[in-house]
Amino acid sequence: MAMAAARTTSLWNPTFSSSQSHLKPRSTLSFRPNLRMPATQLINSPVNHFSPLPSPPSSQMAIRAAITPSPTTSHTPATAFHGVAYVLKDNIDTDQIIPAEYLTLVPSNPDEYQKLGSFALVGLPASHTTRFMDPGEFKSKYSIVIGGENFGCGSSREHAPVALGAAGVKAVVAESYARIFFRNSVSTGEVYPLESEGRLCDECSTGNVVTIELSESRLINHTTGKEYSLKPIGDAGPVIDAGGIFAYARKTGMIPSRSA
């Protein structure tokens, strides 16, 4: 018996192909990552450089994970952030950012999204005498987090950048990231994961007033009067500006808008 002709459709990718034979139908589903990261890096390993995202064909759509956009995600493109910095060191893991006991909170629920913010960085050890969140508050007075190497290592929970965003954090500046945290930051559109050219966590202190200028790729520490170069966010910026991967896909026409 002749085999049926193969069918292929494209959804960025996913590339879905199916074939039938006289024995048993088979189907395979494969995805190409929309965020290009070094393949040799493990989830818990730091990523020191991120390649620019390729421009997707208009007939394809970007889908990485079924992450529901938070109800408070901004859709206004950012040009600069100004605020008070909270400084951390190396290997800040996702359990320190948001402990596993709070992962039952659903970000698409406004009340639970707010609660996620109140628990941001609550997992830091007691040696951090200056706490990120004040008791009883849902928003932190620190809107910019500065870290060292391998920020966001540990589990793949997308709640980590969501909790920071819910707490009012606009950007994280780190020497390097665990790639899953970087990808989740872009996919959710919650925070800008920016890379520093040097070790800013040794140059800045908690409570310093800083400005991040995205267009100039620099951080200005107004408390010390020093300026530092950052690595450009590249094509990940428009995805975060749009409010995450799905919002970006709708905005650019890769998938139908909700009103369609």
C-alpha atoms as a PDB file:
ATOM      1  CA  MET A   1       0.000   0.000   0.000  1.00  0.00           C
ATOM      2  CA  ALA A   2       1.370   3.389  -0.929  1.00  0.00           C
ATOM      3  CA  MET A   3       2.167   5.795   1.869  1.00  0.00           C
ATOM      4  CA  ALA A   4       0.146   8.991   2.178  1.00  0.00           C
ATOM      5  CA  ALA A   5       1.938  12.180   1.239  1.00  0.00           C
ATOM      6  CA  ALA A   6       3.665  13.933   4.146  1.00  0.00           C
ATOM      7  CA  ARG A   7       2.140  17.151   5.445  1.00  0.00           C
ATOM      8  CA  THR A   8       4.190  19.975   6.946  1.00  0.00           C
ATOM      9  CA  THR A   9       2.960  23.172   8.571  1.00  0.00           C
ATOM     10  CA  SER A  10       5.002  25.905  10.221  1.00  0.00           C
ATOM     11  CA  LEU A  11       4.221  27.738  13.426  1.00  0.00           C
ATOM     12  CA  TRP A  12       7.734  29.173  14.303  1.00  0.00           C
ATOM     13  CA  ASN A  13       9.180  26.993  14.576  1.00  0.00           C
ATOM     14  CA  PRO A  14       7.216  24.592  15.641  1.00  0.00           C
ATOM     15  CA  THR A  15       7.706  22.476  12.530  1.00  0.00           C
ATOM     16  CA  PHE A  16       5.040  19.810  12.590  1.00  0.00           C
ATOM     17  CA  SER A  17       5.249  16.934  10.162  1.00  0.00           C
ATOM     18  CA  SER A  18       3.085  13.858  10.036  1.00  0.00           C
ATOM     19  CA  SER A  19       3.168  10.745   7.909  1.00  0.00           C
ATOM     20  CA  GLN A  20       1.036   7.666   7.642  1.00  0.00           C
ATOM     21  CA  SER A  21       1.873   4.138   6.628  1.00  0.00           C
ATOM     22  CA  HIS A  22      -0.093   0.950   6.409  1.00  0.00           C
ATOM     23  CA  LEU A  23       1.226  -0.009   9.864  1.00  0.00           C
ATOM     24  CA  LYS A  24       0.708   2.854  12.264  1.00  0.00           C
ATOM     25  CA  PRO A  25       0.339   6.636  12.080  1.00  0.00           C
ATOM     26  CA  ARG A  26       3.315   8.499  13.461  1.00  0.00           C
ATOM     27  CA  SER A  27       3.842  12.159  14.245  1.00  0.00           C
ATOM     28  CA  THR A  28       6.759  14.179  15.461  1.00  0.00           C
ATOM     29  CA  LEU A  29       6.880  17.671  16.919  1.00  0.00           C
ATOM     30  CA  SER A  30      10.077  19.660  17.154  1.00  0.00           C
ATOM     31  CA  PHE A  31      10.829  23.214  18.264  1.00  0.00           C
ATOM     32  CA  ARG A  32      13.638  25.534  17.382  1.00  0.00           C
ATOM     33  CA  PRO A  33      14.481  27.936  20.204  1.00  0.00           C
ATOM     34  CA  ASN A  34      13.507  31.537  19.465  1.00  0.00           C
ATOM     35  CA  LEU A  35      16.143  32.803  21.875  1.00  0.00           C
ATOM     36  CA  ARG A  36      19.589  31.821  20.687  1.00  0.00           C
ATOM     37  CA  MET A  37      21.858  30.913  23.591  1.00  0.00           C
ATOM     38  CA  PRO A  38      25.127  28.927  23.664  1.00  0.00           C
ATOM     39  CA  ALA A  39      24.113  25.279  23.419  1.00  0.00           C
ATOM     40  CA  THR A  40      27.036  24.185  25.556  1.00  0.00           C
ATOM     41  CA  GLN A  41      25.745  25.997  28.624  1.00  0.00           C
ATOM     42  CA  LEU A  42      23.718  24.099  31.206  1.00  0.00           C
ATOM     43  CA  ILE A  43      20.675  25.621  32.891  1.00  0.00           C
ATOM     44  CA  ASN A  44      22.593  26.260  36.096  1.00  0.00           C
ATOM     45  CA  SER A  45      25.683  27.595  34.352  1.00  0.00           C
ATOM     46  CA  PRO A  46      26.369  31.271  33.739  1.00  0.00           C
ATOM     47  CA  VAL A  47      25.961  32.661  30.258  1.00  0.00           C
ATOM     48  CA  ASN A  48      28.447  35.418  29.538  1.00  0.00           C
ATOM     49  CA  HIS A  49      27.135  36.502  26.164  1.00  0.00           C
ATOM     50  CA  PHE A  50      23.849  36.312  24.317  1.00  0.00           C
ATOM     51  CA  SER A  51      23.686  36.316  20.527  1.00  0.00           C
ATOM     52  CA  PRO A  52      21.183  38.733  18.960  1.00  0.00           C
ATOM     53  CA  LEU A  53      17.826  37.204  18.187  1.00  0.00           C
ATOM     54  CA  PRO A  54      17.241  36.436  14.510  1.00  0.00           C
ATOM     55  CA  SER A  55      14.480  38.322  12.741  1.00  0.00           C
ATOM     56  CA  PRO A  56      11.608  35.832  12.384  1.00  0.00           C
ATOM     57  CA  PRO A  57       9.865  35.239   9.061  1.00  0.00           C
ATOM     58  CA  SER A  58       6.440  36.870   8.931  1.00  0.00           C
ATOM     59  CA  SER A  59       4.776  33.495   8.426  1.00  0.00           C
ATOM     60  CA  GLN A  60       6.085  32.101  11.681  1.00  0.00           C
ATOM     61  CA  MET A  61       5.299  32.776  15.330  1.00  0.00           C
ATOM     62  CA  ALA A  62       7.428  32.624  18.438  1.00  0.00           C
ATOM     63  CA  ILE A  63       6.293  30.198  21.103  1.00  0.00           C
ATOM     64  CA  ARG A  64       8.546  28.930  23.854  1.00  0.00           C
ATOM     65  CA  ALA A  65       6.309  28.139  26.817  1.00  0.00           C
ATOM     66  CA  ALA A  66       2.702  28.528  27.884  1.00  0.00           C
ATOM     67  CA  ILE A  67       3.346  31.440  30.214  1.00  0.00           C
ATOM     68  CA  THR A  68       0.298  33.578  30.928  1.00  0.00           C
ATOM     69  CA  PRO A  69       1.197  37.294  30.829  1.00  0.00           C
ATOM     70  CA  SER A  70       0.830  38.999  34.173  1.00  0.00           C
ATOM     71  CA  PRO A  71      -2.063  41.445  34.505  1.00  0.00           C
ATOM     72  CA  THR A  72       0.210  44.437  35.122  1.00  0.00           C
ATOM     73  CA  THR A  73       2.776  44.007  32.354  1.00  0.00           C
ATOM     74  CA  SER A  74       3.691  47.320  30.739  1.00  0.00           C
ATOM     75  CA  HIS A  75       3.401  47.658  26.981  1.00  0.00           C
ATOM     76  CA  THR A  76       5.229  50.982  26.712  1.00  0.00           C
ATOM     77  CA  PRO A  77       8.744  50.689  25.283  1.00  0.00           C
ATOM     78  CA  ALA A  78      11.280  51.667  27.924  1.00  0.00           C
ATOM     79  CA  THR A  79      14.175  54.007  27.307  1.00  0.00           C
ATOM     80  CA  ALA A  80      15.562  54.460  30.834  1.00  0.00           C
ATOM     81  CA  PHE A  81      15.052  53.357  34.423  1.00  0.00           C
ATOM     82  CA  HIS A  82      15.788  55.417  37.507  1.00  0.00           C
ATOM     83  CA  GLY A  83      15.636  54.141  41.057  1.00  0.00           C
ATOM     84  CA  VAL A  84      17.322  52.729  44.120  1.00  0.00           C
ATOM     85  CA  ALA A  85      19.557  49.668  43.674  1.00  0.00           C
ATOM     86  CA  TYR A  86      19.543  46.433  45.659  1.00  0.00           C
ATOM     87  CA  VAL A  87      22.928  44.730  45.344  1.00  0.00           C
ATOM     88  CA  LEU A  88      23.546  40.979  45.529  1.00  0.00           C
ATOM     89  CA  LYS A  89      26.556  38.789  44.774  1.00  0.00           C
ATOM     90  CA  ASP A  90      27.074  35.544  42.854  1.00  0.00           C
ATOM     91  CA  ASN A  91      24.853  32.482  42.336  1.00  0.00           C
ATOM     92  CA  ILE A  92      21.547  33.956  43.448  1.00  0.00           C
ATOM     93  CA  ASP A  93      19.233  31.026  42.756  1.00  0.00           C
ATOM     94  CA  THR A  94      15.526  30.952  42.004  1.00  0.00           C
ATOM     95  CA  ASP A  95      14.689  29.551  45.428  1.00  0.00           C
ATOM     96  CA  GLN A  96      16.153  32.697  46.947  1.00  0.00           C
ATOM     97  CA  ILE A  97      14.220  34.838  44.465  1.00  0.00           C
ATOM     98  CA  ILE A  98      10.893  33.069  45.141  1.00  0.00           C
ATOM     99  CA  PRO A  99      10.795  29.968  47.382  1.00  0.00           C
ATOM    100  CA  ALA A 100       9.009  26.884  46.052  1.00  0.00           C
ATOM    101  CA  GLU A 101       6.221  27.145  48.631  1.00  0.00           C
ATOM    102  CA  TYR A 102       4.858  30.196  46.798  1.00  0.00           C
ATOM    103  CA  LEU A 103       4.742  28.621  43.340  1.00  0.00           C
ATOM    104  CA  THR A 104       1.062  27.791  43.794  1.00  0.00           C
ATOM    105  CA  LEU A 105       0.295  31.497  43.302  1.00  0.00           C
ATOM    106  CA  VAL A 106      -1.067  32.160  39.798  1.00  0.00           C
ATOM    107  CA  PRO A 107       0.403  35.293  38.138  1.00  0.00           C
ATOM    108  CA  SER A 108      -2.679  35.824  35.931  1.00  0.00           C
ATOM    109  CA  ASN A 109      -4.749  36.389  39.082  1.00  0.00           C
ATOM    110  CA  PRO A 110      -4.229  40.068  40.099  1.00  0.00           C
ATOM    111  CA  ASP A 111      -4.396  39.354  43.838  1.00  0.00           C
ATOM    112  CA  GLU A 112      -1.975  36.452  43.620  1.00  0.00           C
ATOM    113  CA  TYR A 113       0.343  38.408  41.326  1.00  0.00           C
ATOM    114  CA  GLN A 114       0.494  41.093  44.016  1.00  0.00           C
ATOM    115  CA  LYS A 115       1.269  38.464  46.660  1.00  0.00           C
ATOM    116  CA  LEU A 116       4.111  37.121  44.523  1.00  0.00           C
ATOM    117  CA  GLY A 117       5.702  40.560  44.687  1.00  0.00           C
ATOM    118  CA  SER A 118       5.523  40.580  48.473  1.00  0.00           C
ATOM    119  CA  PHE A 119       7.558  37.346  48.585  1.00  0.00           C
ATOM    120  CA  ALA A 120      10.275  38.419  46.130  1.00  0.00           C
ATOM    121  CA  LEU A 121      13.785  37.622  47.413  1.00  0.00           C
ATOM    122  CA  VAL A 122      12.350  36.437  50.718  1.00  0.00           C
ATOM    123  CA  GLY A 123      14.546  33.341  50.386  1.00  0.00           C
ATOM    124  CA  LEU A 124      17.783  35.286  50.866  1.00  0.00           C
ATOM    125  CA  PRO A 125      19.708  34.141  53.945  1.00  0.00           C
ATOM    126  CA  ALA A 126      19.478  36.111  57.174  1.00  0.00           C
ATOM    127  CA  SER A 127      22.974  37.489  56.538  1.00  0.00           C
ATOM    128  CA  HIS A 128      21.278  39.966  54.208  1.00  0.00           C
ATOM    129  CA  THR A 129      20.358  42.329  57.011  1.00  0.00           C
ATOM    130  CA  THR A 130      18.872  44.865  54.593  1.00  0.00           C
ATOM    131  CA  ARG A 131      15.790  43.108  53.303  1.00  0.00           C
ATOM    132  CA  PHE A 132      14.456  43.609  49.808  1.00  0.00           C
ATOM    133  CA  MET A 133      10.833  43.829  50.965  1.00  0.00           C
ATOM    134  CA  ASP A 134       9.570  45.725  53.999  1.00  0.00           C
ATOM    135  CA  PRO A 135       7.110  43.772  56.169  1.00  0.00           C
ATOM    136  CA  GLY A 136       3.525  44.072  54.981  1.00  0.00           C
ATOM    137  CA  GLU A 137       4.473  45.709  51.662  1.00  0.00           C
ATOM    138  CA  PHE A 138       3.686  44.456  48.162  1.00  0.00           C
ATOM    139  CA  LYS A 139       6.176  46.718  46.362  1.00  0.00           C
ATOM    140  CA  SER A 140       9.844  47.134  47.102  1.00  0.00           C
ATOM    141  CA  LYS A 141      11.592  50.486  47.316  1.00  0.00           C
ATOM    142  CA  TYR A 142      14.359  48.931  45.205  1.00  0.00           C
ATOM    143  CA  SER A 143      13.459  48.995  41.508  1.00  0.00           C
ATOM    144  CA  ILE A 144      16.843  47.877  40.146  1.00  0.00           C
ATOM    145  CA  VAL A 145      18.644  44.700  41.219  1.00  0.00           C
ATOM    146  CA  ILE A 146      22.393  44.364  40.667  1.00  0.00           C
ATOM    147  CA  GLY A 147      23.962  40.921  40.862  1.00  0.00           C
ATOM    148  CA  GLY A 148      27.156  39.049  40.139  1.00  0.00           C
ATOM    149  CA  GLU A 149      27.762  35.838  38.213  1.00  0.00           C
ATOM    150  CA  ASN A 150      25.182  33.147  37.413  1.00  0.00           C
ATOM    151  CA  PHE A 151      22.142  35.147  38.510  1.00  0.00           C
ATOM    152  CA  GLY A 152      18.919  33.112  38.495  1.00  0.00           C
ATOM    153  CA  CYS A 153      20.492  29.664  38.679  1.00  0.00           C
ATOM    154  CA  GLY A 154      18.574  26.713  40.065  1.00  0.00           C
ATOM    155  CA  SER A 155      15.144  25.600  38.912  1.00  0.00           C
ATOM    156  CA  SER A 156      13.389  26.734  35.742  1.00  0.00           C
ATOM    157  CA  ARG A 157      10.463  28.419  37.514  1.00  0.00           C
ATOM    158  CA  GLU A 158       9.132  31.389  35.518  1.00  0.00           C
ATOM    159  CA  HIS A 159       7.776  32.737  38.818  1.00  0.00           C
ATOM    160  CA  ALA A 160      11.271  34.126  39.548  1.00  0.00           C
ATOM    161  CA  PRO A 161      11.240  37.071  37.107  1.00  0.00           C
ATOM    162  CA  VAL A 162       7.475  37.426  37.614  1.00  0.00           C
ATOM    163  CA  ALA A 163       7.934  37.903  41.370  1.00  0.00           C
ATOM    164  CA  LEU A 164      10.607  40.538  40.785  1.00  0.00           C
ATOM    165  CA  GLY A 165       8.388  42.343  38.281  1.00  0.00           C
ATOM    166  CA  ALA A 166       5.423  42.187  40.652  1.00  0.00           C
ATOM    167  CA  ALA A 167       7.594  43.737  43.367  1.00  0.00           C
ATOM    168  CA  GLY A 168       8.335  46.696  41.101  1.00  0.00           C
ATOM    169  CA  VAL A 169      11.740  45.696  39.726  1.00  0.00           C
ATOM    170  CA  LYS A 170      12.287  47.128  36.251  1.00  0.00           C
ATOM    171  CA  ALA A 171      15.696  45.670  35.469  1.00  0.00           C
ATOM    172  CA  VAL A 172      18.299  43.249  36.749  1.00  0.00           C
ATOM    173  CA  VAL A 173      21.937  44.011  35.965  1.00  0.00           C
ATOM    174  CA  ALA A 174      24.230  41.025  36.440  1.00  0.00           C
ATOM    175  CA  GLU A 175      27.664  39.910  35.355  1.00  0.00           C
ATOM    176  CA  SER A 176      26.135  36.743  33.884  1.00  0.00           C
ATOM    177  CA  TYR A 177      22.868  34.777  34.023  1.00  0.00           C
ATOM    178  CA  ALA A 178      21.675  31.245  34.181  1.00  0.00           C
ATOM    179  CA  ARG A 179      20.159  31.001  30.719  1.00  0.00           C
ATOM    180  CA  ILE A 180      16.732  29.789  31.906  1.00  0.00           C
ATOM    181  CA  PHE A 181      16.279  32.927  34.027  1.00  0.00           C
ATOM    182  CA  PHE A 182      17.271  35.093  31.082  1.00  0.00           C
ATOM    183  CA  ARG A 183      14.816  33.322  28.797  1.00  0.00           C
ATOM    184  CA  ASN A 184      11.996  33.492  31.335  1.00  0.00           C
ATOM    185  CA  SER A 185      12.612  37.218  31.835  1.00  0.00           C
ATOM    186  CA  VAL A 186      12.201  37.794  28.110  1.00  0.00           C
ATOM    187  CA  SER A 187       9.285  35.373  27.706  1.00  0.00           C
ATOM    188  CA  THR A 188       7.263  36.911  30.541  1.00  0.00           C
ATOM    189  CA  GLY A 189       8.256  40.505  29.746  1.00  0.00           C
ATOM    190  CA  GLU A 190       8.592  41.236  33.456  1.00  0.00           C
ATOM    191  CA  VAL A 191      12.143  42.556  33.824  1.00  0.00           C
ATOM    192  CA  TYR A 192      15.038  43.556  31.595  1.00  0.00           C
ATOM    193  CA  PRO A 193      17.935  41.120  32.185  1.00  0.00           C
ATOM    194  CA  LEU A 194      20.920  43.339  31.402  1.00  0.00           C
ATOM    195  CA  GLU A 195      24.554  42.259  31.410  1.00  0.00           C
ATOM    196  CA  SER A 196      27.300  44.416  32.848  1.00  0.00           C
ATOM    197  CA  GLU A 197      30.679  44.783  31.211  1.00  0.00           C
ATOM    198  CA  GLY A 198      32.384  44.545  34.601  1.00  0.00           C
ATOM    199  CA  ARG A 199      31.646  43.476  38.136  1.00  0.00           C
ATOM    200  CA  LEU A 200      29.131  46.122  39.191  1.00  0.00           C
ATOM    201  CA  CYS A 201      28.127  44.211  42.321  1.00  0.00           C
ATOM    202  CA  ASP A 202      31.548  45.160  43.748  1.00  0.00           C
ATOM    203  CA  GLU A 203      31.267  48.754  42.561  1.00  0.00           C
ATOM    204  CA  CYS A 204      27.754  49.553  43.801  1.00  0.00           C
ATOM    205  CA  SER A 205      26.021  49.250  47.159  1.00  0.00           C
ATOM    206  CA  THR A 206      22.449  48.703  48.245  1.00  0.00           C
ATOM    207  CA  GLY A 207      20.748  52.084  48.487  1.00  0.00           C
ATOM    208  CA  ASN A 208      22.720  53.734  45.674  1.00  0.00           C
ATOM    209  CA  VAL A 209      20.575  55.816  43.331  1.00  0.00           C
ATOM    210  CA  VAL A 210      21.137  54.719  39.747  1.00  0.00           C
ATOM    211  CA  THR A 211      19.889  55.329  36.231  1.00  0.00           C
ATOM    212  CA  ILE A 212      19.965  52.801  33.409  1.00  0.00           C
ATOM    213  CA  GLU A 213      19.919  54.273  29.907  1.00  0.00           C
ATOM    214  CA  LEU A 214      18.974  51.520  27.490  1.00  0.00           C
ATOM    215  CA  SER A 215      19.743  53.483  24.350  1.00  0.00           C
ATOM    216  CA  GLU A 216      23.245  54.282  25.599  1.00  0.00           C
ATOM    217  CA  SER A 217      23.748  50.858  27.223  1.00  0.00           C
ATOM    218  CA  ARG A 218      25.083  52.366  30.412  1.00  0.00           C
ATOM    219  CA  LEU A 219      24.395  52.576  34.123  1.00  0.00           C
ATOM    220  CA  ILE A 220      24.970  55.813  36.005  1.00  0.00           C
ATOM    221  CA  ASN A 221      25.527  55.626  39.760  1.00  0.00           C
ATOM    222  CA  HIS A 222      24.459  59.045  40.998  1.00  0.00           C
ATOM    223  CA  THR A 223      25.577  58.266  44.546  1.00  0.00           C
ATOM    224  CA  THR A 224      29.206  57.643  43.556  1.00  0.00           C
ATOM    225  CA  GLY A 225      29.256  59.684  40.349  1.00  0.00           C
ATOM    226  CA  LYS A 226      30.553  56.765  38.279  1.00  0.00           C
ATOM    227  CA  GLU A 227      29.276  55.392  34.971  1.00  0.00           C
ATOM    228  CA  TYR A 228      29.461  51.827  33.682  1.00  0.00           C
ATOM    229  CA  SER A 229      28.976  50.223  30.286  1.00  0.00           C
ATOM    230  CA  LEU A 230      26.315  47.557  29.789  1.00  0.00           C
ATOM    231  CA  LYS A 231      25.923  45.047  26.995  1.00  0.00           C
ATOM    232  CA  PRO A 232      23.063  45.941  24.612  1.00  0.00           C
ATOM    233  CA  ILE A 233      19.825  44.055  25.198  1.00  0.00           C
ATOM    234  CA  GLY A 234      19.487  43.556  21.449  1.00  0.00           C
ATOM    235  CA  ASP A 235      16.396  42.074  19.836  1.00  0.00           C
ATOM    236  CA  ALA A 236      15.149  40.774  23.178  1.00  0.00           C
ATOM    237  CA  GLY A 237      14.221  44.373  24.043  1.00  0.00           C
ATOM    238  CA  PRO A 238      11.140  44.636  21.786  1.00  0.00           C
ATOM    239  CA  VAL A 239       9.818  41.340  23.161  1.00  0.00           C
ATOM    240  CA  ILE A 240      10.043  42.648  26.733  1.00  0.00           C
ATOM    241  CA  ASP A 241       8.621  46.015  25.639  1.00  0.00           C
ATOM    242  CA  ALA A 242       5.579  44.261  24.209  1.00  0.00           C
ATOM    243  CA  GLY A 243       4.907  42.441  27.473  1.00  0.00           C
ATOM    244  CA  GLY A 244       6.341  39.031  26.681  1.00  0.00           C
ATOM    245  CA  ILE A 245       6.611  36.494  23.899  1.00  0.00           C
ATOM    246  CA  PHE A 246       2.884  36.043  23.251  1.00  0.00           C
ATOM    247  CA  ALA A 247       2.125  39.757  23.368  1.00  0.00           C
ATOM    248  CA  TYR A 248       4.986  40.328  20.927  1.00  0.00           C
ATOM    249  CA  ALA A 249       3.663  37.625  18.596  1.00  0.00           C
ATOM    250  CA  ARG A 250       0.218  39.245  18.606  1.00  0.00           C
ATOM    251  CA  LYS A 251       1.626  42.750  18.162  1.00  0.00           C
ATOM    252  CA  THR A 252       3.675  41.746  15.128  1.00  0.00           C
ATOM    253  CA  GLY A 253       0.902  39.678  13.573  1.00  0.00           C
ATOM    254  CA  MET A 254       2.582  36.318  14.061  1.00  0.00           C
ATOM    255  CA  ILE A 255      -0.544  35.041  15.804  1.00  0.00           C
ATOM    256  CA  PRO A 256      -4.082  36.487  15.785  1.00  0.00           C
ATOM    257  CA  SER A 257      -4.870  39.155  18.357  1.00  0.00           C
ATOM    258  CA  ARG A 258      -7.331  38.307  21.105  1.00  0.00           C
ATOM    259  CA  SER A 259      -9.950  40.573  19.573  1.00  0.00           C
ATOM    260  CA  ALA A 260      -9.678  38.855  16.186  1.00  0.00           C
END
